[in-house]
């Protein structure tokens, strides 16, 4: 039997906060919604060749799905697996909604300036992600697409998008396993389609674990395409 994952670090990502770090091959990131209603906008890069980055259209197309949850993989534009979703207790992460910019946040929530609110000022997903990406030599041209963890957006028969409130409950968690060295960039802010009238992003717990590759075996074997994706990824380390 494989050894259970073991925790080597843990930290709180406050509502409105952002983080970036390299999740090394064989490590697992657990994100836990502490209060319910969290949203984490996430993008991924090859830590050693940052021109290789998350490709959500390919991730959806090759797995024949319109949503991403446990058992699915997050593909790069080179056909490699940047991360595998090994666990997801809320069952849905949105790949359509993107992130809000400063103008959109101001339009929805009003002015929330640093001059009056200090560290409670209203942040936006675009700027938060760019701040973290800048630490790794990346800029606006590198911010192409994000996955909104814990959030659900439905599409009706006419193509109209609708946000599903309360998709995630307190205690829900999502686990991402890295089969390669992956640069993770994320921010905990409200989904841009969230109709809530007040700026109130929710905190998320980040837990880092060492894990055996077997934790992602159900992702590898869920589709023939994923088997090939893992083979492409493993060749980097052969």
Protein backbone atom coordinates (compact mmCIF):
# COMPACT_ATOMS: atom_id res chain seq x y z
CA UNK A 1 0.00 0.00 0.00
CA UNK A 2 1.32 3.51 -0.82
CA UNK A 3 2.19 5.76 2.05
CA UNK A 4 -0.44 8.41 2.87
CA UNK A 5 0.43 12.01 1.92
CA UNK A 6 2.34 13.88 4.63
CA UNK A 7 2.03 17.60 5.37
CA UNK A 8 5.21 19.70 5.19
CA UNK A 9 3.72 23.23 5.20
CA UNK A 10 0.47 25.05 5.80
CA UNK A 11 -0.63 28.67 5.52
CA UNK A 12 -3.72 30.84 5.37
CA UNK A 13 -4.60 32.63 2.16
CA UNK A 14 -6.80 35.51 3.35
CA UNK A 15 -9.71 36.76 1.31
CA UNK A 16 -8.30 39.17 -1.26
CA UNK A 17 -4.80 37.68 -0.97
CA UNK A 18 -2.56 36.15 -3.60
CA UNK A 19 0.29 33.65 -3.68
CA UNK A 20 2.75 32.09 -6.10
CA UNK A 21 5.06 29.13 -5.57
CA UNK A 22 6.55 26.11 -7.29
CA UNK A 23 4.72 22.88 -6.54
CA UNK A 24 7.43 20.31 -7.20
CA UNK A 25 6.92 16.96 -8.90
CA UNK A 26 5.44 14.59 -6.34
CA UNK A 27 3.89 17.32 -4.18
CA UNK A 28 0.22 17.94 -3.57
CA UNK A 29 -1.63 21.15 -2.79
CA UNK A 30 -4.85 20.99 -0.77
CA UNK A 31 -7.07 24.08 -0.81
CA UNK A 32 -9.79 24.20 1.86
CA UNK A 33 -12.72 26.61 1.85
CA UNK A 34 -12.91 27.75 5.46
CA UNK A 35 -16.23 29.62 5.47
CA UNK A 36 -18.09 28.52 2.34
CA UNK A 37 -18.51 30.45 -0.88
CA UNK A 38 -14.80 30.76 -1.63
CA UNK A 39 -13.37 31.34 -5.08
CA UNK A 40 -9.71 30.87 -6.01
CA UNK A 41 -8.56 31.99 -9.46
CA UNK A 42 -5.63 29.83 -10.54
CA UNK A 43 -3.19 29.70 -13.41
CA UNK A 44 -0.21 27.37 -13.96
CA UNK A 45 3.15 27.37 -15.74
CA UNK A 46 6.04 24.99 -16.31
CA UNK A 47 8.39 26.18 -13.57
CA UNK A 48 11.46 25.70 -15.78
CA UNK A 49 10.07 26.94 -19.11
CA UNK A 50 7.40 29.51 -18.40
CA UNK A 51 6.35 29.89 -22.03
CA UNK A 52 4.57 26.57 -21.38
CA UNK A 53 1.36 27.36 -19.54
CA UNK A 54 -2.15 26.24 -18.68
CA UNK A 55 -4.39 25.57 -21.68
CA UNK A 56 -7.98 25.26 -20.50
CA UNK A 57 -9.56 24.68 -23.94
CA UNK A 58 -7.31 21.66 -24.47
CA UNK A 59 -7.98 20.48 -20.90
CA UNK A 60 -11.72 20.47 -21.60
CA UNK A 61 -11.53 19.16 -25.15
CA UNK A 62 -9.28 16.17 -24.56
CA UNK A 63 -11.29 15.03 -21.53
CA UNK A 64 -14.67 15.57 -23.23
CA UNK A 65 -16.07 17.69 -20.42
CA UNK A 66 -17.42 21.19 -19.87
CA UNK A 67 -16.36 21.23 -16.23
CA UNK A 68 -13.31 20.16 -14.28
CA UNK A 69 -13.40 18.13 -11.08
CA UNK A 70 -11.79 15.10 -9.42
CA UNK A 71 -10.23 12.71 -11.91
CA UNK A 72 -9.44 15.43 -14.45
CA UNK A 73 -6.09 16.88 -15.51
CA UNK A 74 -4.98 20.44 -16.17
CA UNK A 75 -2.98 20.44 -19.41
CA UNK A 76 -0.30 22.75 -20.71
CA UNK A 77 -0.17 23.97 -24.30
CA UNK A 78 2.51 21.30 -24.86
CA UNK A 79 0.22 18.41 -23.99
CA UNK A 80 1.73 17.80 -20.57
CA UNK A 81 -0.08 17.57 -17.24
CA UNK A 82 0.68 20.59 -15.07
CA UNK A 83 -1.60 19.31 -12.30
CA UNK A 84 -4.12 16.55 -11.67
CA UNK A 85 -7.28 17.15 -9.65
CA UNK A 86 -7.12 14.20 -7.30
CA UNK A 87 -9.93 15.29 -4.96
CA UNK A 88 -12.81 17.77 -5.16
CA UNK A 89 -15.59 17.69 -2.59
CA UNK A 90 -17.61 20.50 -4.15
CA UNK A 91 -17.61 18.88 -7.60
CA UNK A 92 -17.12 21.81 -9.96
CA UNK A 93 -14.53 24.41 -10.92
CA UNK A 94 -15.31 27.09 -13.49
CA UNK A 95 -13.19 27.45 -16.62
CA UNK A 96 -15.30 30.15 -18.30
CA UNK A 97 -15.64 33.20 -16.03
CA UNK A 98 -12.08 34.56 -15.92
CA UNK A 99 -11.09 37.23 -13.40
CA UNK A 100 -12.26 40.79 -12.79
CA UNK A 101 -10.10 43.87 -13.33
CA UNK A 102 -10.02 47.07 -11.27
CA UNK A 103 -12.75 48.79 -13.30
CA UNK A 104 -15.11 45.84 -12.97
CA UNK A 105 -14.57 45.59 -9.21
CA UNK A 106 -15.23 49.32 -8.82
CA UNK A 107 -18.37 49.07 -10.92
CA UNK A 108 -19.77 46.18 -8.86
CA UNK A 109 -18.69 47.10 -5.33
CA UNK A 110 -17.98 50.82 -5.46
CA UNK A 111 -14.81 52.65 -4.48
CA UNK A 112 -12.70 50.81 -1.93
CA UNK A 113 -9.50 52.81 -1.89
CA UNK A 114 -6.38 52.19 0.14
CA UNK A 115 -6.49 55.79 1.38
CA UNK A 116 -9.63 55.06 3.41
CA UNK A 117 -9.53 51.28 3.94
CA UNK A 118 -5.77 50.63 4.18
CA UNK A 119 -5.19 46.87 3.88
CA UNK A 120 -8.92 46.31 3.48
CA UNK A 121 -8.96 48.06 0.09
CA UNK A 122 -10.80 46.39 -2.77
CA UNK A 123 -8.44 44.20 -4.75
CA UNK A 124 -9.03 42.67 -8.17
CA UNK A 125 -7.97 39.39 -9.69
CA UNK A 126 -6.10 40.75 -12.68
CA UNK A 127 -3.79 42.95 -10.64
CA UNK A 128 -3.30 40.33 -7.92
CA UNK A 129 -2.22 37.70 -10.43
CA UNK A 130 0.05 40.14 -12.26
CA UNK A 131 1.78 41.12 -9.01
CA UNK A 132 2.63 37.47 -8.36
CA UNK A 133 3.56 36.74 -11.97
CA UNK A 134 5.93 39.71 -11.96
CA UNK A 135 7.97 37.96 -9.28
CA UNK A 136 8.77 35.27 -11.85
CA UNK A 137 9.51 37.56 -14.82
CA UNK A 138 6.00 37.24 -16.29
CA UNK A 139 3.69 40.03 -17.40
CA UNK A 140 0.31 40.92 -18.85
CA UNK A 141 0.94 39.00 -22.06
CA UNK A 142 1.42 35.84 -20.02
CA UNK A 143 -1.97 36.08 -18.24
CA UNK A 144 -4.08 34.08 -20.66
CA UNK A 145 -6.66 32.04 -18.75
CA UNK A 146 -7.60 30.98 -15.23
CA UNK A 147 -9.51 28.21 -13.53
CA UNK A 148 -11.89 29.37 -10.79
CA UNK A 149 -11.69 26.72 -8.08
CA UNK A 150 -14.82 26.13 -5.94
CA UNK A 151 -17.04 28.08 -8.38
CA UNK A 152 -19.69 26.83 -10.80
CA UNK A 153 -21.00 28.55 -13.92
CA UNK A 154 -23.83 26.89 -15.84
CA UNK A 155 -24.61 27.33 -19.53
CA UNK A 156 -28.21 27.01 -20.73
CA UNK A 157 -29.41 25.82 -24.14
CA UNK A 158 -29.15 29.35 -25.51
CA UNK A 159 -25.54 29.78 -24.37
CA UNK A 160 -26.40 32.09 -21.47
CA UNK A 161 -24.00 31.84 -18.52
CA UNK A 162 -25.26 31.85 -14.94
CA UNK A 163 -23.34 31.78 -11.67
CA UNK A 164 -24.38 29.10 -9.14
CA UNK A 165 -24.33 30.59 -5.61
CA UNK A 166 -23.16 28.48 -2.68
CA UNK A 167 -21.46 25.88 -4.84
CA UNK A 168 -18.82 25.36 -2.12
CA UNK A 169 -19.54 24.83 1.57
CA UNK A 170 -17.30 25.37 4.58
CA UNK A 171 -14.82 22.50 4.74
CA UNK A 172 -14.91 21.70 1.02
CA UNK A 173 -11.47 20.99 -0.39
CA UNK A 174 -9.74 20.54 -3.71
CA UNK A 175 -6.42 18.72 -4.09
CA UNK A 176 -3.98 19.25 -6.95
CA UNK A 177 -1.12 16.81 -7.54
CA UNK A 178 1.92 17.98 -9.52
CA UNK A 179 3.46 15.36 -11.86
CA UNK A 180 6.00 18.00 -12.93
CA UNK A 181 7.54 21.11 -11.36
CA UNK A 182 4.65 23.55 -11.71
CA UNK A 183 4.54 27.26 -10.99
CA UNK A 184 1.21 27.96 -9.28
CA UNK A 185 -0.22 31.49 -9.26
CA UNK A 186 -3.49 32.11 -7.44
CA UNK A 187 -5.69 34.67 -5.74
CA UNK A 188 -8.70 34.36 -3.41
CA UNK A 189 -11.27 36.84 -4.70
CA UNK A 190 -14.95 36.72 -5.53
CA UNK A 191 -15.87 35.26 -8.91
CA UNK A 192 -16.51 38.05 -11.46
CA UNK A 193 -20.04 36.72 -12.03
CA UNK A 194 -20.87 36.49 -8.32
CA UNK A 195 -23.99 38.70 -7.89
CA UNK A 196 -23.28 39.48 -4.21
CA UNK A 197 -23.43 43.28 -3.80
CA UNK A 198 -20.67 43.56 -1.21
CA UNK A 199 -16.92 43.00 -1.53
CA UNK A 200 -16.28 40.06 0.79
CA UNK A 201 -13.72 37.54 -0.56
CA UNK A 202 -13.38 34.38 1.52
CA UNK A 203 -10.20 32.88 3.05
CA UNK A 204 -8.73 29.56 2.00
CA UNK A 205 -6.32 27.24 3.79
CA UNK A 206 -3.34 26.06 1.75
CA UNK A 207 -1.82 22.73 2.79
CA UNK A 208 1.31 21.35 1.11
CA UNK A 209 1.97 17.61 1.15
CA UNK A 210 4.40 15.05 -0.17
CA UNK A 211 2.43 12.38 -2.00
CA UNK A 212 2.99 9.12 -3.83
CA UNK A 213 2.24 9.24 -7.55
CA UNK A 214 -0.51 6.68 -6.97
CA UNK A 215 -2.79 9.45 -5.61
CA UNK A 216 -3.24 10.57 -9.23
CA UNK A 217 -3.65 7.12 -10.76
CA UNK A 218 -7.41 7.61 -11.20
CA UNK A 219 -6.65 10.79 -13.15
CA UNK A 220 -4.09 9.01 -15.33
CA UNK A 221 -6.45 6.16 -16.19
CA UNK A 222 -9.72 8.09 -16.50
CA UNK A 223 -9.19 8.59 -20.24
CA UNK A 224 -6.69 7.39 -22.86
CA UNK A 225 -5.81 11.04 -23.48
CA UNK A 226 -4.73 11.42 -19.86
CA UNK A 227 -2.51 8.36 -20.09
CA UNK A 228 -0.72 10.00 -23.02
CA UNK A 229 -0.53 13.30 -21.14
CA UNK A 230 1.19 11.65 -18.18
CA UNK A 231 3.59 9.84 -20.52
CA UNK A 232 4.51 13.17 -22.16
CA UNK A 233 5.08 14.62 -18.69
CA UNK A 234 7.13 11.67 -17.41
CA UNK A 235 9.49 12.01 -20.38
CA UNK A 236 10.74 15.28 -18.91
CA UNK A 237 12.18 13.30 -16.00
CA UNK A 238 13.31 10.15 -17.82
